[in-house]
């Protein structure tokens, strides 16, 4: 994939082709980068135009300026679509990427062809108690990361992936994460419970792995109950980053979702 830079921003993005009729936007998990979707790029490079964005502080999106924040990601993604003359995208977000994806969908729903969120929660209806529990767990992990990225990555890979191969791939990407980039995650709370949910004009798919934390599975269940028209899936033999753990099953689910087969 060829790398591009969004003008007047720290954001790098990657495109495989501009020859196909449909675009897929990939938004990665925290502490890694766009490469976590490599198996998806290999599977779909001849079928779709693939757009992968490195979230601020990750991958090649590290040339930041004072005042840059993760809260600006939705605007930057919109500007990328304008810059590339893309009217609508299918969005695939995992973990942090799914949070950013929802924030973008809240702000620019007319640019969303479909939304698929894995290992995440409904940012418009996030329970305060769950938010505190989640925030405390994240803070403990970040403190460990500030002491040693490799130590942090060894613990993080076990939480983020289930299969040994996916864990190793996650670890290798995580070790490249810069300590100073933790600061950009602080603004994420400004995305939570900020917008009222609106009727979706596009299909929604939500899910996680069977070995993700129990809280995640419960949040997927609650989200599905709030939006009965959505589709929900729990992937067998997968942890948090389902696309890395069970790529073939992930591809089948996504293809059926995009083609409206449920």
Protein backbone atom coordinates (compact mmCIF):
# COMPACT_ATOMS: atom_id res chain seq x y z
CA UNK A 1 0.00 0.00 0.00
CA UNK A 2 1.23 3.47 -0.82
CA UNK A 3 1.62 5.95 2.04
CA UNK A 4 0.19 9.47 1.88
CA UNK A 5 0.16 12.42 4.26
CA UNK A 6 -2.90 14.53 5.02
CA UNK A 7 -1.98 18.18 4.51
CA UNK A 8 -1.64 20.32 7.65
CA UNK A 9 -2.03 17.35 9.98
CA UNK A 10 0.08 14.61 11.59
CA UNK A 11 -1.98 11.89 9.91
CA UNK A 12 -0.50 9.33 7.54
CA UNK A 13 -2.76 7.04 5.54
CA UNK A 14 -2.31 4.19 3.10
CA UNK A 15 -4.13 3.21 -0.12
CA UNK A 16 -3.77 0.09 -2.25
CA UNK A 17 -5.76 1.17 -5.31
CA UNK A 18 -8.30 3.64 -6.64
CA UNK A 19 -9.62 1.40 -9.41
CA UNK A 20 -12.57 -0.28 -7.72
CA UNK A 21 -16.10 0.95 -7.04
CA UNK A 22 -16.19 0.56 -3.24
CA UNK A 23 -13.90 1.82 -0.49
CA UNK A 24 -13.10 0.18 2.86
CA UNK A 25 -11.63 2.26 5.68
CA UNK A 26 -9.62 0.41 8.35
CA UNK A 27 -9.06 1.87 11.83
CA UNK A 28 -6.68 -0.08 14.04
CA UNK A 29 -6.49 -0.89 17.75
CA UNK A 30 -4.47 1.10 20.28
CA UNK A 31 -0.68 0.67 20.49
CA UNK A 32 -0.30 -0.88 17.03
CA UNK A 33 -0.89 0.58 13.55
CA UNK A 34 -2.51 -0.05 10.16
CA UNK A 35 -0.46 -3.23 9.68
CA UNK A 36 -2.76 -5.17 12.02
CA UNK A 37 -5.05 -5.56 8.98
CA UNK A 38 -2.39 -7.04 6.68
CA UNK A 39 -4.34 -10.27 6.12
CA UNK A 40 -7.39 -8.23 5.14
CA UNK A 41 -5.35 -6.21 2.65
CA UNK A 42 -4.09 -9.43 1.07
CA UNK A 43 -7.61 -10.87 0.87
CA UNK A 44 -9.36 -7.82 -0.57
CA UNK A 45 -6.73 -5.91 -2.54
CA UNK A 46 -8.15 -7.06 -5.88
CA UNK A 47 -11.78 -6.38 -4.97
CA UNK A 48 -11.96 -3.10 -3.04
CA UNK A 49 -10.10 0.18 -2.70
CA UNK A 50 -8.51 -0.09 0.74
CA UNK A 51 -7.83 2.95 2.91
CA UNK A 52 -5.93 2.47 6.18
CA UNK A 53 -5.31 5.34 8.57
CA UNK A 54 -2.68 5.47 11.31
CA UNK A 55 -4.41 7.03 14.32
CA UNK A 56 -2.56 9.96 15.90
CA UNK A 57 0.49 8.83 17.87
CA UNK A 58 0.60 5.48 16.07
CA UNK A 59 2.51 4.17 13.07
CA UNK A 60 3.57 7.03 10.80
CA UNK A 61 1.17 9.56 12.38
CA UNK A 62 3.69 10.90 14.90
CA UNK A 63 4.73 14.28 13.51
CA UNK A 64 2.35 16.11 15.80
CA UNK A 65 1.91 19.77 16.63
CA UNK A 66 0.84 21.47 19.83
CA UNK A 67 -2.91 21.04 20.31
CA UNK A 68 -3.26 17.94 18.12
CA UNK A 69 -5.57 15.37 19.74
CA UNK A 70 -7.37 12.14 19.05
CA UNK A 71 -10.60 14.14 19.19
CA UNK A 72 -9.58 15.59 15.81
CA UNK A 73 -9.49 12.17 14.12
CA UNK A 74 -13.05 12.41 12.76
CA UNK A 75 -12.25 15.72 11.05
CA UNK A 76 -8.99 14.39 9.67
CA UNK A 77 -10.69 11.30 8.27
CA UNK A 78 -13.31 13.52 6.64
CA UNK A 79 -10.53 15.61 5.12
CA UNK A 80 -8.83 12.49 3.78
CA UNK A 81 -12.07 11.46 2.06
CA UNK A 82 -12.40 14.93 0.55
CA UNK A 83 -8.73 14.90 -0.51
CA UNK A 84 -9.18 11.51 -2.21
CA UNK A 85 -12.62 12.34 -3.64
CA UNK A 86 -14.32 9.51 -1.72
CA UNK A 87 -18.03 10.02 -1.09
CA UNK A 88 -18.77 6.96 1.11
CA UNK A 89 -16.76 4.26 2.87
CA UNK A 90 -17.38 0.94 4.56
CA UNK A 91 -15.68 1.33 7.95
CA UNK A 92 -13.98 -1.47 9.88
CA UNK A 93 -12.79 -0.51 13.36
CA UNK A 94 -11.19 -2.66 16.06
CA UNK A 95 -10.99 -1.57 19.72
CA UNK A 96 -9.73 2.05 19.73
CA UNK A 97 -10.35 2.11 15.98
CA UNK A 98 -14.01 1.24 16.58
CA UNK A 99 -14.33 4.17 19.00
CA UNK A 100 -12.85 6.54 16.41
CA UNK A 101 -15.11 4.98 13.76
CA UNK A 102 -18.23 5.69 15.82
CA UNK A 103 -17.16 9.26 16.49
CA UNK A 104 -16.69 9.75 12.75
CA UNK A 105 -20.12 8.20 12.07
CA UNK A 106 -21.70 10.54 14.65
CA UNK A 107 -20.21 13.58 12.93
CA UNK A 108 -20.32 12.55 9.25
CA UNK A 109 -23.09 9.92 8.88
CA UNK A 110 -23.63 10.83 5.24
CA UNK A 111 -20.14 9.51 4.43
CA UNK A 112 -20.71 6.05 5.97
CA UNK A 113 -21.73 3.16 3.71
CA UNK A 114 -21.60 0.66 6.59
CA UNK A 115 -20.06 0.45 10.05
CA UNK A 116 -18.42 -2.61 11.63
CA UNK A 117 -17.09 -2.35 15.20
CA UNK A 118 -15.22 -5.11 17.02
CA UNK A 119 -13.91 -5.23 20.58
CA UNK A 120 -15.61 -1.95 21.41
CA UNK A 121 -18.68 -0.46 23.07
CA UNK A 122 -21.47 1.91 22.08
CA UNK A 123 -19.85 5.30 22.73
CA UNK A 124 -23.26 7.02 22.84
CA UNK A 125 -24.49 4.80 25.70
CA UNK A 126 -21.45 3.92 27.78
CA UNK A 127 -22.35 3.07 31.39
CA UNK A 128 -20.58 5.34 33.91
CA UNK A 129 -19.58 2.44 36.18
CA UNK A 130 -18.19 0.49 33.23
CA UNK A 131 -16.42 3.64 32.09
CA UNK A 132 -14.67 4.01 35.44
CA UNK A 133 -13.68 0.34 35.49
CA UNK A 134 -12.39 0.51 31.94
CA UNK A 135 -10.53 3.76 32.63
CA UNK A 136 -8.84 2.34 35.73
CA UNK A 137 -7.66 -0.73 33.80
CA UNK A 138 -6.31 1.46 31.01
CA UNK A 139 -4.45 3.66 33.49
CA UNK A 140 -2.74 0.63 35.06
CA UNK A 141 -1.63 -0.54 31.62
CA UNK A 142 -0.38 2.93 30.66
CA UNK A 143 1.67 3.22 33.85
CA UNK A 144 3.31 -0.08 32.99
CA UNK A 145 3.97 1.22 29.47
CA UNK A 146 5.65 4.35 30.80
CA UNK A 147 8.11 2.13 32.69
CA UNK A 148 8.87 -0.23 29.80
CA UNK A 149 7.20 -0.56 26.39
CA UNK A 150 8.47 -4.15 25.99
CA UNK A 151 7.08 -5.12 29.41
CA UNK A 152 3.82 -3.39 28.52
CA UNK A 153 3.71 -5.13 25.11
CA UNK A 154 4.21 -8.60 26.63
CA UNK A 155 1.19 -8.14 28.88
CA UNK A 156 -0.84 -6.31 26.26
CA UNK A 157 -0.47 -9.01 23.59
CA UNK A 158 -2.15 -11.56 25.89
CA UNK A 159 -5.14 -9.25 26.34
CA UNK A 160 -5.33 -8.20 22.71
CA UNK A 161 -5.00 -11.52 20.86
CA UNK A 162 -5.67 -15.20 21.55
CA UNK A 163 -3.65 -17.23 19.05
CA UNK A 164 0.15 -17.40 19.53
CA UNK A 165 0.76 -16.08 16.01
CA UNK A 166 -1.55 -13.08 16.47
CA UNK A 167 -0.03 -12.37 19.88
CA UNK A 168 3.46 -12.29 18.39
CA UNK A 169 2.35 -10.02 15.54
CA UNK A 170 0.65 -7.69 18.01
CA UNK A 171 3.73 -7.67 20.27
CA UNK A 172 6.07 -6.71 17.43
CA UNK A 173 3.87 -3.77 16.44
CA UNK A 174 3.31 -2.73 20.06
CA UNK A 175 7.05 -2.47 20.78
CA UNK A 176 7.26 0.33 18.18
CA UNK A 177 4.70 2.44 20.08
CA UNK A 178 6.26 5.60 21.50
CA UNK A 179 5.84 6.44 25.18
CA UNK A 180 5.03 10.06 24.37
CA UNK A 181 2.04 8.90 22.32
CA UNK A 182 0.10 7.88 25.43
CA UNK A 183 -0.84 11.56 25.83
CA UNK A 184 -2.97 11.50 22.67
CA UNK A 185 -5.31 8.85 24.09
CA UNK A 186 -6.38 11.13 26.94
CA UNK A 187 -8.84 13.03 24.77
CA UNK A 188 -10.82 9.89 23.95
CA UNK A 189 -13.21 10.55 26.85
CA UNK A 190 -14.53 13.55 24.93
CA UNK A 191 -16.01 11.14 22.37
CA UNK A 192 -17.99 9.23 25.01
CA UNK A 193 -21.68 10.01 25.65
CA UNK A 194 -21.35 13.24 23.66
CA UNK A 195 -23.90 12.63 20.91
CA UNK A 196 -27.49 11.43 20.96
CA UNK A 197 -27.98 8.29 18.90
CA UNK A 198 -29.70 8.94 15.59
CA UNK A 199 -31.49 6.54 13.28
CA UNK A 200 -28.80 4.91 11.16
CA UNK A 201 -29.07 5.16 7.39
CA UNK A 202 -26.44 2.44 7.00
CA UNK A 203 -26.03 -1.15 8.31
CA UNK A 204 -24.22 -1.79 11.60
CA UNK A 205 -22.23 -4.89 12.60
CA UNK A 206 -20.86 -5.34 16.12
CA UNK A 207 -18.89 -8.17 17.68
CA UNK A 208 -15.96 -9.54 19.65
CA UNK A 209 -14.12 -12.80 20.28
CA UNK A 210 -15.30 -15.50 22.65
CA UNK A 211 -12.09 -15.05 24.66
CA UNK A 212 -12.42 -11.28 24.96
CA UNK A 213 -13.14 -10.03 28.47
CA UNK A 214 -16.68 -10.82 29.78
CA UNK A 215 -17.45 -7.10 30.04
CA UNK A 216 -16.90 -6.75 26.29
CA UNK A 217 -19.30 -9.55 25.47
CA UNK A 218 -21.93 -8.04 27.75
CA UNK A 219 -21.52 -4.62 26.08
CA UNK A 220 -22.01 -6.21 22.65
CA UNK A 221 -25.20 -7.86 23.92
CA UNK A 222 -26.52 -4.57 25.35
CA UNK A 223 -25.65 -2.69 22.17
CA UNK A 224 -27.51 -5.26 20.08
CA UNK A 225 -30.56 -4.91 22.32
CA UNK A 226 -30.54 -1.13 21.84
CA UNK A 227 -30.23 -1.46 18.07
CA UNK A 228 -32.20 -4.56 17.00
CA UNK A 229 -31.59 -3.84 13.31
CA UNK A 230 -27.85 -4.31 13.82
CA UNK A 231 -26.02 -7.60 13.32
CA UNK A 232 -23.92 -9.11 16.12
CA UNK A 233 -21.31 -11.85 16.07
CA UNK A 234 -19.10 -13.61 18.63
CA UNK A 235 -16.08 -15.19 16.94
CA UNK A 236 -14.97 -18.60 18.18
CA UNK A 237 -11.27 -19.11 18.97
CA UNK A 238 -10.68 -15.35 19.01
CA UNK A 239 -9.78 -12.72 21.56
CA UNK A 240 -9.94 -8.94 21.32
CA UNK A 241 -8.47 -8.42 17.84
CA UNK A 242 -10.68 -10.88 15.97
CA UNK A 243 -9.35 -10.00 12.52
CA UNK A 244 -5.88 -11.15 13.58
CA UNK A 245 -6.94 -14.29 15.46
CA UNK A 246 -9.38 -15.78 12.92
CA UNK A 247 -8.85 -13.92 9.63
CA UNK A 248 -10.64 -16.42 7.38
CA UNK A 249 -13.80 -16.42 9.48
CA UNK A 250 -13.55 -12.65 9.79
CA UNK A 251 -13.42 -12.34 5.99
CA UNK A 252 -16.53 -14.52 5.59
CA UNK A 253 -18.49 -12.47 8.13
CA UNK A 254 -17.50 -9.17 6.53
CA UNK A 255 -18.26 -10.32 2.99
CA UNK A 256 -21.72 -11.49 4.04
CA UNK A 257 -22.32 -8.24 5.90
CA UNK A 258 -21.34 -6.06 2.94
CA UNK A 259 -23.42 -8.14 0.57
CA UNK A 260 -26.44 -7.98 2.86
CA UNK A 261 -26.60 -11.70 3.57
CA UNK A 262 -26.55 -11.36 7.35
